[in-house]
Amino acid sequence: HYFAETLPENKADLIGKLQEEGKFVCYVGDGINDSIALKKANVSVSLRGASTIATDTAQIILMDGSLNQIVRLFDLSQDFDATMEAALVTTMIPGSIIIPGAFFLNFQIIHAVLLNQASLALGTGIMMRPLLKWKKLEKAIREPDSNSHADTPEKVRATNYGQNTTALDNTITALTGE
């Protein structure tokens, strides 16, 4: 749902109604009139340069001062949720096998410890995946393939976000000289 040009007293009421319906509410605001709604929302977003009360209340502040990165913010949150879910499953399933196995299947302690340590290592690897993706992206920006005339992965990914890619294009141009 999107609401615009709403009176300050109605903003918090709308958020409350949506939350009562079981909705998760993200509110974007930049003024004094938005402070109550920012506080009440599940996630609150403000902009750099907004009123002090808005930036103090918001959980997320978009530093470029525009909403161009809001789609990327949602993509990052979905990536984070997927990573956390994968890590949780990776560490919980072996644990749920170890405990019954120790009691009913006569697992030896060494097998239980090894399975537990393997699941922790795999969970750590899953949690490191976003860092590895970032390093790969950073390397692609620094060392472009001079033989390729295709779009860089950064441009393709930024375009997939459906956002204004001017800032990213300028960064790529500055780093690669293209």
C-alpha atoms as a PDB file:
ATOM      1  CA  HIS A   1       0.000   0.000   0.000  1.00  0.00           C
ATOM      2  CA  TYR A   2       1.148   3.520  -0.747  1.00  0.00           C
ATOM      3  CA  PHE A   3      -0.308   6.619   0.874  1.00  0.00           C
ATOM      4  CA  ALA A   4       0.651  10.198   0.078  1.00  0.00           C
ATOM      5  CA  GLU A   5      -0.480  13.674   1.107  1.00  0.00           C
ATOM      6  CA  THR A   6      -1.836  12.372   4.412  1.00  0.00           C
ATOM      7  CA  LEU A   7      -2.345  14.532   7.479  1.00  0.00           C
ATOM      8  CA  PRO A   8       0.171  13.936  10.313  1.00  0.00           C
ATOM      9  CA  GLU A   9      -2.445  12.587  12.735  1.00  0.00           C
ATOM     10  CA  ASN A  10      -3.700  10.101  10.131  1.00  0.00           C
ATOM     11  CA  LYS A  11      -0.252   8.708   9.310  1.00  0.00           C
ATOM     12  CA  ALA A  12       0.179   6.857  12.601  1.00  0.00           C
ATOM     13  CA  ASP A  13      -3.430   5.630  12.418  1.00  0.00           C
ATOM     14  CA  LEU A  14      -2.847   4.179   8.943  1.00  0.00           C
ATOM     15  CA  ILE A  15       0.281   2.418  10.159  1.00  0.00           C
ATOM     16  CA  GLY A  16      -1.597   1.031  13.158  1.00  0.00           C
ATOM     17  CA  LYS A  17      -4.411  -0.288  10.934  1.00  0.00           C
ATOM     18  CA  LEU A  18      -1.970  -1.968   8.576  1.00  0.00           C
ATOM     19  CA  GLN A  19      -0.125  -3.563  11.494  1.00  0.00           C
ATOM     20  CA  GLU A  20      -3.420  -4.824  12.956  1.00  0.00           C
ATOM     21  CA  GLU A  21      -4.061  -6.525   9.603  1.00  0.00           C
ATOM     22  CA  GLY A  22      -0.750  -8.333  10.088  1.00  0.00           C
ATOM     23  CA  LYS A  23       1.175  -6.210   7.610  1.00  0.00           C
ATOM     24  CA  PHE A  24       4.822  -5.301   8.059  1.00  0.00           C
ATOM     25  CA  VAL A  25       5.066  -1.530   7.572  1.00  0.00           C
ATOM     26  CA  CYS A  26       7.984   0.428   6.137  1.00  0.00           C
ATOM     27  CA  TYR A  27       7.468   4.177   6.412  1.00  0.00           C
ATOM     28  CA  VAL A  28       9.521   6.750   4.525  1.00  0.00           C
ATOM     29  CA  GLY A  29       9.453  10.289   5.859  1.00  0.00           C
ATOM     30  CA  ASP A  30      11.613  13.378   6.080  1.00  0.00           C
ATOM     31  CA  GLY A  31       9.810  15.970   8.165  1.00  0.00           C
ATOM     32  CA  ILE A  32       8.705  16.816  11.679  1.00  0.00           C
ATOM     33  CA  ASN A  33       5.182  15.700  10.780  1.00  0.00           C
ATOM     34  CA  ASP A  34       6.513  12.217  10.048  1.00  0.00           C
ATOM     35  CA  SER A  35       8.180  11.568  13.409  1.00  0.00           C
ATOM     36  CA  ILE A  36       5.262   9.724  15.050  1.00  0.00           C
ATOM     37  CA  ALA A  37       4.723   7.549  11.992  1.00  0.00           C
ATOM     38  CA  LEU A  38       8.456   6.847  11.736  1.00  0.00           C
ATOM     39  CA  LYS A  39       8.471   5.706  15.359  1.00  0.00           C
ATOM     40  CA  LYS A  40       5.396   3.493  14.955  1.00  0.00           C
ATOM     41  CA  ALA A  41       6.431   1.718  11.732  1.00  0.00           C
ATOM     42  CA  ASN A  42       8.225  -1.621  11.781  1.00  0.00           C
ATOM     43  CA  VAL A  43      10.975  -0.118   9.627  1.00  0.00           C
ATOM     44  CA  SER A  44      11.453   3.605   9.182  1.00  0.00           C
ATOM     45  CA  VAL A  45      13.481   5.295   6.461  1.00  0.00           C
ATOM     46  CA  SER A  46      14.526   8.916   6.185  1.00  0.00           C
ATOM     47  CA  LEU A  47      16.832  10.906   3.958  1.00  0.00           C
ATOM     48  CA  ARG A  48      20.099  12.674   4.622  1.00  0.00           C
ATOM     49  CA  GLY A  49      19.332  16.348   5.010  1.00  0.00           C
ATOM     50  CA  ALA A  50      15.856  15.707   6.416  1.00  0.00           C
ATOM     51  CA  SER A  51      14.713  17.284   9.673  1.00  0.00           C
ATOM     52  CA  THR A  52      16.734  16.307  12.733  1.00  0.00           C
ATOM     53  CA  ILE A  53      13.789  14.606  14.411  1.00  0.00           C
ATOM     54  CA  ALA A  54      13.162  12.497  11.296  1.00  0.00           C
ATOM     55  CA  THR A  55      16.778  11.363  11.023  1.00  0.00           C
ATOM     56  CA  ASP A  56      16.971  10.706  14.775  1.00  0.00           C
ATOM     57  CA  THR A  57      13.792   8.605  14.692  1.00  0.00           C
ATOM     58  CA  ALA A  58      14.460   6.674  11.485  1.00  0.00           C
ATOM     59  CA  GLN A  59      16.187   3.308  11.592  1.00  0.00           C
ATOM     60  CA  ILE A  60      17.623   3.731   8.096  1.00  0.00           C
ATOM     61  CA  ILE A  61      18.935   6.947   6.568  1.00  0.00           C
ATOM     62  CA  LEU A  62      19.537   7.076   2.821  1.00  0.00           C
ATOM     63  CA  MET A  63      22.765   9.038   2.580  1.00  0.00           C
ATOM     64  CA  ASP A  64      22.367  10.235  -1.007  1.00  0.00           C
ATOM     65  CA  GLY A  65      19.354  12.341   0.010  1.00  0.00           C
ATOM     66  CA  SER A  66      17.017  10.755  -2.547  1.00  0.00           C
ATOM     67  CA  LEU A  67      14.825   7.678  -2.836  1.00  0.00           C
ATOM     68  CA  ASN A  68      16.866   6.212  -5.695  1.00  0.00           C
ATOM     69  CA  GLN A  69      18.313   3.516  -3.413  1.00  0.00           C
ATOM     70  CA  ILE A  70      15.024   2.371  -1.841  1.00  0.00           C
ATOM     71  CA  VAL A  71      14.606  -0.558  -4.263  1.00  0.00           C
ATOM     72  CA  ARG A  72      18.178  -1.632  -3.547  1.00  0.00           C
ATOM     73  CA  LEU A  73      17.421  -1.422   0.175  1.00  0.00           C
ATOM     74  CA  PHE A  74      14.554  -3.885  -0.247  1.00  0.00           C
ATOM     75  CA  ASP A  75      16.726  -6.180  -2.379  1.00  0.00           C
ATOM     76  CA  LEU A  76      19.429  -6.146   0.305  1.00  0.00           C
ATOM     77  CA  SER A  77      16.889  -7.002   2.980  1.00  0.00           C
ATOM     78  CA  GLN A  78      15.596  -9.937   0.918  1.00  0.00           C
ATOM     79  CA  ASP A  79      19.167 -11.165   0.383  1.00  0.00           C
ATOM     80  CA  PHE A  80      19.780 -10.859   4.126  1.00  0.00           C
ATOM     81  CA  ASP A  81      16.626 -12.828   4.946  1.00  0.00           C
ATOM     82  CA  ALA A  82      17.571 -15.574   2.483  1.00  0.00           C
ATOM     83  CA  THR A  83      21.081 -15.806   3.932  1.00  0.00           C
ATOM     84  CA  MET A  84      19.800 -15.972   7.508  1.00  0.00           C
ATOM     85  CA  GLU A  85      17.234 -18.637   6.616  1.00  0.00           C
ATOM     86  CA  ALA A  86      19.841 -20.765   4.837  1.00  0.00           C
ATOM     87  CA  ALA A  87      22.259 -20.481   7.765  1.00  0.00           C
ATOM     88  CA  LEU A  88      19.530 -21.350  10.258  1.00  0.00           C
ATOM     89  CA  VAL A  89      18.462 -24.429   8.313  1.00  0.00           C
ATOM     90  CA  THR A  90      22.082 -25.488   7.840  1.00  0.00           C
ATOM     91  CA  THR A  91      22.798 -25.366  11.554  1.00  0.00           C
ATOM     92  CA  MET A  92      19.437 -26.595  12.869  1.00  0.00           C
ATOM     93  CA  ILE A  93      19.010 -29.749  10.770  1.00  0.00           C
ATOM     94  CA  PRO A  94      22.240 -31.426  11.936  1.00  0.00           C
ATOM     95  CA  GLY A  95      21.380 -30.474  15.519  1.00  0.00           C
ATOM     96  CA  SER A  96      17.988 -32.110  15.194  1.00  0.00           C
ATOM     97  CA  ILE A  97      19.703 -35.238  13.848  1.00  0.00           C
ATOM     98  CA  ILE A  98      22.442 -35.333  16.498  1.00  0.00           C
ATOM     99  CA  ILE A  99      20.185 -35.282  19.556  1.00  0.00           C
ATOM    100  CA  PRO A 100      17.849 -38.156  18.578  1.00  0.00           C
ATOM    101  CA  GLY A 101      20.824 -39.989  17.072  1.00  0.00           C
ATOM    102  CA  ALA A 102      22.698 -39.859  20.370  1.00  0.00           C
ATOM    103  CA  PHE A 103      19.725 -41.258  22.284  1.00  0.00           C
ATOM    104  CA  PHE A 104      18.153 -43.714  19.852  1.00  0.00           C
ATOM    105  CA  LEU A 105      20.728 -44.572  17.180  1.00  0.00           C
ATOM    106  CA  ASN A 106      23.744 -44.940  19.461  1.00  0.00           C
ATOM    107  CA  PHE A 107      25.789 -42.178  17.816  1.00  0.00           C
ATOM    108  CA  GLN A 108      29.185 -41.995  19.383  1.00  0.00           C
ATOM    109  CA  ILE A 109      30.233 -38.649  20.828  1.00  0.00           C
ATOM    110  CA  ILE A 110      32.872 -38.154  18.145  1.00  0.00           C
ATOM    111  CA  HIS A 111      30.258 -38.476  15.376  1.00  0.00           C
ATOM    112  CA  ALA A 112      27.972 -35.979  17.088  1.00  0.00           C
ATOM    113  CA  VAL A 113      30.803 -33.486  17.577  1.00  0.00           C
ATOM    114  CA  LEU A 114      32.031 -33.847  13.980  1.00  0.00           C
ATOM    115  CA  LEU A 115      28.534 -33.388  12.546  1.00  0.00           C
ATOM    116  CA  ASN A 116      27.971 -30.361  14.769  1.00  0.00           C
ATOM    117  CA  GLN A 117      31.294 -28.779  13.781  1.00  0.00           C
ATOM    118  CA  ALA A 118      30.621 -29.441  10.094  1.00  0.00           C
ATOM    119  CA  SER A 119      27.228 -27.740  10.338  1.00  0.00           C
ATOM    120  CA  LEU A 120      28.772 -24.735  12.083  1.00  0.00           C
ATOM    121  CA  ALA A 121      31.463 -24.453   9.403  1.00  0.00           C
ATOM    122  CA  LEU A 122      28.855 -24.702   6.652  1.00  0.00           C
ATOM    123  CA  GLY A 123      26.692 -22.087   8.397  1.00  0.00           C
ATOM    124  CA  THR A 124      29.687 -19.766   8.666  1.00  0.00           C
ATOM    125  CA  GLY A 125      30.396 -20.264   4.964  1.00  0.00           C
ATOM    126  CA  ILE A 126      26.816 -19.349   4.115  1.00  0.00           C
ATOM    127  CA  MET A 127      27.034 -16.231   6.263  1.00  0.00           C
ATOM    128  CA  MET A 128      30.236 -15.204   4.443  1.00  0.00           C
ATOM    129  CA  ARG A 129      28.610 -15.469   1.010  1.00  0.00           C
ATOM    130  CA  PRO A 130      27.479 -11.793   0.905  1.00  0.00           C
ATOM    131  CA  LEU A 131      31.028 -10.679   1.718  1.00  0.00           C
ATOM    132  CA  LEU A 132      32.406 -12.829  -1.081  1.00  0.00           C
ATOM    133  CA  LYS A 133      29.820 -11.381  -3.494  1.00  0.00           C
ATOM    134  CA  TRP A 134      30.868  -7.864  -2.458  1.00  0.00           C
ATOM    135  CA  LYS A 135      34.573  -8.662  -2.929  1.00  0.00           C
ATOM    136  CA  LYS A 136      33.832 -10.085  -6.382  1.00  0.00           C
ATOM    137  CA  LEU A 137      31.855  -6.958  -7.308  1.00  0.00           C
ATOM    138  CA  GLU A 138      34.616  -4.721  -5.970  1.00  0.00           C
ATOM    139  CA  LYS A 139      37.221  -6.625  -7.991  1.00  0.00           C
ATOM    140  CA  ALA A 140      35.122  -6.343 -11.165  1.00  0.00           C
ATOM    141  CA  ILE A 141      34.965  -2.567 -10.698  1.00  0.00           C
ATOM    142  CA  ARG A 142      38.717  -2.254 -10.125  1.00  0.00           C
ATOM    143  CA  GLU A 143      39.860  -4.667 -12.829  1.00  0.00           C
ATOM    144  CA  PRO A 144      37.466  -4.573 -15.793  1.00  0.00           C
ATOM    145  CA  ASP A 145      37.975  -6.970 -18.677  1.00  0.00           C
ATOM    146  CA  SER A 146      39.408  -4.741 -21.416  1.00  0.00           C
ATOM    147  CA  ASN A 147      38.491  -7.273 -24.139  1.00  0.00           C
ATOM    148  CA  SER A 148      34.794  -7.221 -23.291  1.00  0.00           C
ATOM    149  CA  HIS A 149      32.442  -4.553 -24.587  1.00  0.00           C
ATOM    150  CA  ALA A 150      29.447  -5.905 -22.675  1.00  0.00           C
ATOM    151  CA  ASP A 151      27.967  -4.166 -19.693  1.00  0.00           C
ATOM    152  CA  THR A 152      29.807  -4.715 -16.459  1.00  0.00           C
ATOM    153  CA  PRO A 153      28.099  -6.910 -13.834  1.00  0.00           C
ATOM    154  CA  GLU A 154      27.589  -3.812 -11.716  1.00  0.00           C
ATOM    155  CA  LYS A 155      25.634  -2.047 -14.441  1.00  0.00           C
ATOM    156  CA  VAL A 156      23.501  -5.110 -15.099  1.00  0.00           C
ATOM    157  CA  ARG A 157      22.792  -5.605 -11.391  1.00  0.00           C
ATOM    158  CA  ALA A 158      22.020  -1.921 -10.843  1.00  0.00           C
ATOM    159  CA  THR A 159      19.695  -1.930 -13.839  1.00  0.00           C
ATOM    160  CA  ASN A 160      17.951  -4.975 -12.405  1.00  0.00           C
ATOM    161  CA  TYR A 161      17.230  -2.942  -9.300  1.00  0.00           C
ATOM    162  CA  GLY A 162      15.179  -0.647 -11.527  1.00  0.00           C
ATOM    163  CA  GLN A 163      16.851   2.426 -10.093  1.00  0.00           C
ATOM    164  CA  ASN A 164      18.612   5.453 -11.434  1.00  0.00           C
ATOM    165  CA  THR A 165      22.136   4.186 -12.103  1.00  0.00           C
ATOM    166  CA  THR A 166      23.795   7.553 -12.702  1.00  0.00           C
ATOM    167  CA  ALA A 167      25.837   7.486  -9.480  1.00  0.00           C
ATOM    168  CA  LEU A 168      26.980   3.909 -10.098  1.00  0.00           C
ATOM    169  CA  ASP A 169      27.801   4.691 -13.736  1.00  0.00           C
ATOM    170  CA  ASN A 170      29.857   7.693 -12.614  1.00  0.00           C
ATOM    171  CA  THR A 171      31.717   5.527 -10.088  1.00  0.00           C
ATOM    172  CA  ILE A 172      32.444   2.867 -12.702  1.00  0.00           C
ATOM    173  CA  THR A 173      33.572   5.513 -15.187  1.00  0.00           C
ATOM    174  CA  ALA A 174      35.855   7.114 -12.598  1.00  0.00           C
ATOM    175  CA  LEU A 175      37.403   3.775 -11.638  1.00  0.00           C
ATOM    176  CA  THR A 176      37.702   2.215 -15.079  1.00  0.00           C
ATOM    177  CA  GLY A 177      38.135   5.232 -17.321  1.00  0.00           C
ATOM    178  CA  GLU A 178      35.421   3.903 -19.687  1.00  0.00           C
END
